[in-house]
């Protein structure tokens, strides 16, 4: 949980905006208290007329992210209840130009370098 807060706080500082960590669903109990508030709760609590971006931190589209996914439904539900909000979602990570380099860097860190030589 502390690592997630540190990332959130660093990002908020870097972009000079409020950043919330959210989850689509959660279980009751302290053992599951690591993903922040529910996305729906955070969106509905935004100030009147707020502009929000929901970052889809998924490698590819699927039942959660992408057309018809859980997040699209949560956002649509929030906008129905709060038409004053402007909510947009990012693309999933798969299309990002730096993803391949990042994944290769992480792979190199986890496997002895002799495998790559």
Foldseek 3Di string as FASTA:
>chain_A
DVVVVVVQVVVCVVVVHHGFFEDCDFDDDPVTPDGGYHPLVVLLPDDFLEEEEAEAAAQADDQQDDPVHSVVVSVVVSCVVRVSYHYYYDHYPNPDPCVVVVVVVVVPVVDPVVVVD
